[in-house]
Amino acid sequence: MKKIVNNNLTSFEDHLDQQYGKIGTPEREKFEEGFEAFKLGVMIQELRKKNGLTQEQLAEKCGTTKTYISRIENNASDIRLSTLMRIVREGFGRHLKLSI
């Protein structure tokens, strides 16, 4: 079996550098912040579904609205740390750990 080599491939990191600039530039920092918010929304959504909860049920458990949960999951809303902690604690019975 013959191995096919494509020298025109671009790594994901190179693509990000070309599209948003090198790490540390304002454009890249803005992208990275947005991507982290996106990942957070996906994690909340996956955890909610894993626990068999609707957005409305999760909202009731942690004292917020279905609309707010939806906005977090769809990356349309910034989330305060205290709110995130409350969602994790009251909505899922877990504790939030941050790492820097």
C-alpha atoms as a PDB file:
ATOM      1  CA  MET A   1       0.000   0.000   0.000  1.00  0.00           C
ATOM      2  CA  LYS A   2       1.408   3.355  -1.055  1.00  0.00           C
ATOM      3  CA  LYS A   3       1.439   6.215   1.475  1.00  0.00           C
ATOM      4  CA  ILE A   4       0.103   9.497   0.137  1.00  0.00           C
ATOM      5  CA  VAL A   5       1.806  12.604   1.461  1.00  0.00           C
ATOM      6  CA  ASN A   6       0.182  15.995   1.162  1.00  0.00           C
ATOM      7  CA  ASN A   7       2.652  18.776   1.871  1.00  0.00           C
ATOM      8  CA  ASN A   8      -0.077  21.401   1.531  1.00  0.00           C
ATOM      9  CA  LEU A   9      -1.659  20.588   4.897  1.00  0.00           C
ATOM     10  CA  THR A  10      -1.814  23.316   7.492  1.00  0.00           C
ATOM     11  CA  SER A  11      -1.820  22.522  11.195  1.00  0.00           C
ATOM     12  CA  PHE A  12      -4.701  23.823  13.281  1.00  0.00           C
ATOM     13  CA  GLU A  13      -2.273  26.053  15.199  1.00  0.00           C
ATOM     14  CA  ASP A  14      -0.939  27.511  11.925  1.00  0.00           C
ATOM     15  CA  HIS A  15      -4.505  28.074  10.749  1.00  0.00           C
ATOM     16  CA  LEU A  16      -5.315  29.974  13.958  1.00  0.00           C
ATOM     17  CA  ASP A  17      -2.127  32.030  13.569  1.00  0.00           C
ATOM     18  CA  GLN A  18      -3.104  32.947  10.005  1.00  0.00           C
ATOM     19  CA  GLN A  19      -6.758  33.625  10.800  1.00  0.00           C
ATOM     20  CA  TYR A  20      -6.475  35.376  14.191  1.00  0.00           C
ATOM     21  CA  GLY A  21      -2.804  36.247  14.635  1.00  0.00           C
ATOM     22  CA  LYS A  22      -0.157  34.815  16.900  1.00  0.00           C
ATOM     23  CA  ILE A  23      -0.844  34.030  20.564  1.00  0.00           C
ATOM     24  CA  GLY A  24      -0.720  37.252  22.557  1.00  0.00           C
ATOM     25  CA  THR A  25      -2.095  39.529  19.856  1.00  0.00           C
ATOM     26  CA  PRO A  26      -5.397  41.280  20.614  1.00  0.00           C
ATOM     27  CA  GLU A  27      -7.227  39.472  17.793  1.00  0.00           C
ATOM     28  CA  ARG A  28      -6.041  36.057  18.983  1.00  0.00           C
ATOM     29  CA  GLU A  29      -6.896  36.850  22.620  1.00  0.00           C
ATOM     30  CA  LYS A  30     -10.422  37.824  21.562  1.00  0.00           C
ATOM     31  CA  PHE A  31     -10.761  34.546  19.656  1.00  0.00           C
ATOM     32  CA  GLU A  32      -9.418  32.489  22.592  1.00  0.00           C
ATOM     33  CA  GLU A  33     -11.836  34.166  25.037  1.00  0.00           C
ATOM     34  CA  GLY A  34     -14.765  33.484  22.735  1.00  0.00           C
ATOM     35  CA  PHE A  35     -13.701  29.878  22.279  1.00  0.00           C
ATOM     36  CA  GLU A  36     -13.503  29.364  26.057  1.00  0.00           C
ATOM     37  CA  ALA A  37     -17.028  30.774  26.440  1.00  0.00           C
ATOM     38  CA  PHE A  38     -18.203  28.431  23.672  1.00  0.00           C
ATOM     39  CA  LYS A  39     -16.613  25.424  25.410  1.00  0.00           C
ATOM     40  CA  LEU A  40     -18.230  26.406  28.702  1.00  0.00           C
ATOM     41  CA  GLY A  41     -21.663  26.526  27.059  1.00  0.00           C
ATOM     42  CA  VAL A  42     -21.120  23.105  25.491  1.00  0.00           C
ATOM     43  CA  MET A  43     -19.999  21.645  28.823  1.00  0.00           C
ATOM     44  CA  ILE A  44     -23.086  22.995  30.597  1.00  0.00           C
ATOM     45  CA  GLN A  45     -25.332  21.610  27.861  1.00  0.00           C
ATOM     46  CA  GLU A  46     -23.676  18.173  27.906  1.00  0.00           C
ATOM     47  CA  LEU A  47     -23.845  17.987  31.702  1.00  0.00           C
ATOM     48  CA  ARG A  48     -27.503  19.034  31.660  1.00  0.00           C
ATOM     49  CA  LYS A  49     -28.378  16.363  29.100  1.00  0.00           C
ATOM     50  CA  LYS A  50     -26.322  13.728  30.934  1.00  0.00           C
ATOM     51  CA  ASN A  51     -28.380  14.498  34.024  1.00  0.00           C
ATOM     52  CA  GLY A  52     -31.624  14.215  32.052  1.00  0.00           C
ATOM     53  CA  LEU A  53     -32.630  17.824  32.661  1.00  0.00           C
ATOM     54  CA  THR A  54     -34.369  20.253  30.363  1.00  0.00           C
ATOM     55  CA  GLN A  55     -33.187  23.857  30.309  1.00  0.00           C
ATOM     56  CA  GLU A  56     -36.291  24.781  32.254  1.00  0.00           C
ATOM     57  CA  GLN A  57     -35.643  22.162  34.944  1.00  0.00           C
ATOM     58  CA  LEU A  58     -32.022  23.266  35.323  1.00  0.00           C
ATOM     59  CA  ALA A  59     -33.114  26.896  35.536  1.00  0.00           C
ATOM     60  CA  GLU A  60     -35.631  26.081  38.289  1.00  0.00           C
ATOM     61  CA  LYS A  61     -33.016  24.171  40.297  1.00  0.00           C
ATOM     62  CA  CYS A  62     -30.557  27.054  40.294  1.00  0.00           C
ATOM     63  CA  GLY A  63     -32.907  30.038  40.423  1.00  0.00           C
ATOM     64  CA  THR A  64     -32.537  31.444  36.938  1.00  0.00           C
ATOM     65  CA  THR A  65     -34.541  31.365  33.716  1.00  0.00           C
ATOM     66  CA  LYS A  66     -34.700  28.936  30.815  1.00  0.00           C
ATOM     67  CA  THR A  67     -33.760  31.820  28.531  1.00  0.00           C
ATOM     68  CA  TYR A  68     -30.573  32.475  30.504  1.00  0.00           C
ATOM     69  CA  ILE A  69     -29.580  28.786  30.422  1.00  0.00           C
ATOM     70  CA  SER A  70     -30.227  28.771  26.670  1.00  0.00           C
ATOM     71  CA  ARG A  71     -28.105  31.880  26.175  1.00  0.00           C
ATOM     72  CA  ILE A  72     -25.216  30.305  28.109  1.00  0.00           C
ATOM     73  CA  GLU A  73     -25.447  27.073  26.135  1.00  0.00           C
ATOM     74  CA  ASN A  74     -25.554  28.966  22.837  1.00  0.00           C
ATOM     75  CA  ASN A  75     -22.684  31.289  23.755  1.00  0.00           C
ATOM     76  CA  ALA A  76     -24.890  34.359  23.582  1.00  0.00           C
ATOM     77  CA  SER A  77     -24.303  35.507  27.140  1.00  0.00           C
ATOM     78  CA  ASP A  78     -21.340  36.159  29.369  1.00  0.00           C
ATOM     79  CA  ILE A  79     -21.665  34.277  32.607  1.00  0.00           C
ATOM     80  CA  ARG A  80     -20.590  35.532  36.000  1.00  0.00           C
ATOM     81  CA  LEU A  81     -18.413  33.197  38.033  1.00  0.00           C
ATOM     82  CA  SER A  82     -20.881  33.266  40.920  1.00  0.00           C
ATOM     83  CA  THR A  83     -23.691  32.242  38.560  1.00  0.00           C
ATOM     84  CA  LEU A  84     -21.610  29.457  37.055  1.00  0.00           C
ATOM     85  CA  MET A  85     -20.782  28.189  40.543  1.00  0.00           C
ATOM     86  CA  ARG A  86     -24.478  28.248  41.485  1.00  0.00           C
ATOM     87  CA  ILE A  87     -25.479  26.346  38.327  1.00  0.00           C
ATOM     88  CA  VAL A  88     -22.852  23.675  38.972  1.00  0.00           C
ATOM     89  CA  ARG A  89     -23.631  23.423  42.698  1.00  0.00           C
ATOM     90  CA  GLU A  90     -27.419  23.698  42.744  1.00  0.00           C
ATOM     91  CA  GLY A  91     -28.181  22.434  39.259  1.00  0.00           C
ATOM     92  CA  PHE A  92     -25.835  19.466  39.204  1.00  0.00           C
ATOM     93  CA  GLY A  93     -24.830  18.913  42.837  1.00  0.00           C
ATOM     94  CA  ARG A  94     -21.165  19.345  42.006  1.00  0.00           C
ATOM     95  CA  HIS A  95     -18.348  21.712  42.839  1.00  0.00           C
ATOM     96  CA  LEU A  96     -16.526  23.921  40.368  1.00  0.00           C
ATOM     97  CA  LYS A  97     -12.724  23.772  40.291  1.00  0.00           C
ATOM     98  CA  LEU A  98     -10.729  26.381  38.391  1.00  0.00           C
ATOM     99  CA  SER A  99      -7.182  25.979  37.201  1.00  0.00           C
ATOM    100  CA  ILE A 100      -4.932  28.770  36.024  1.00  0.00           C
END
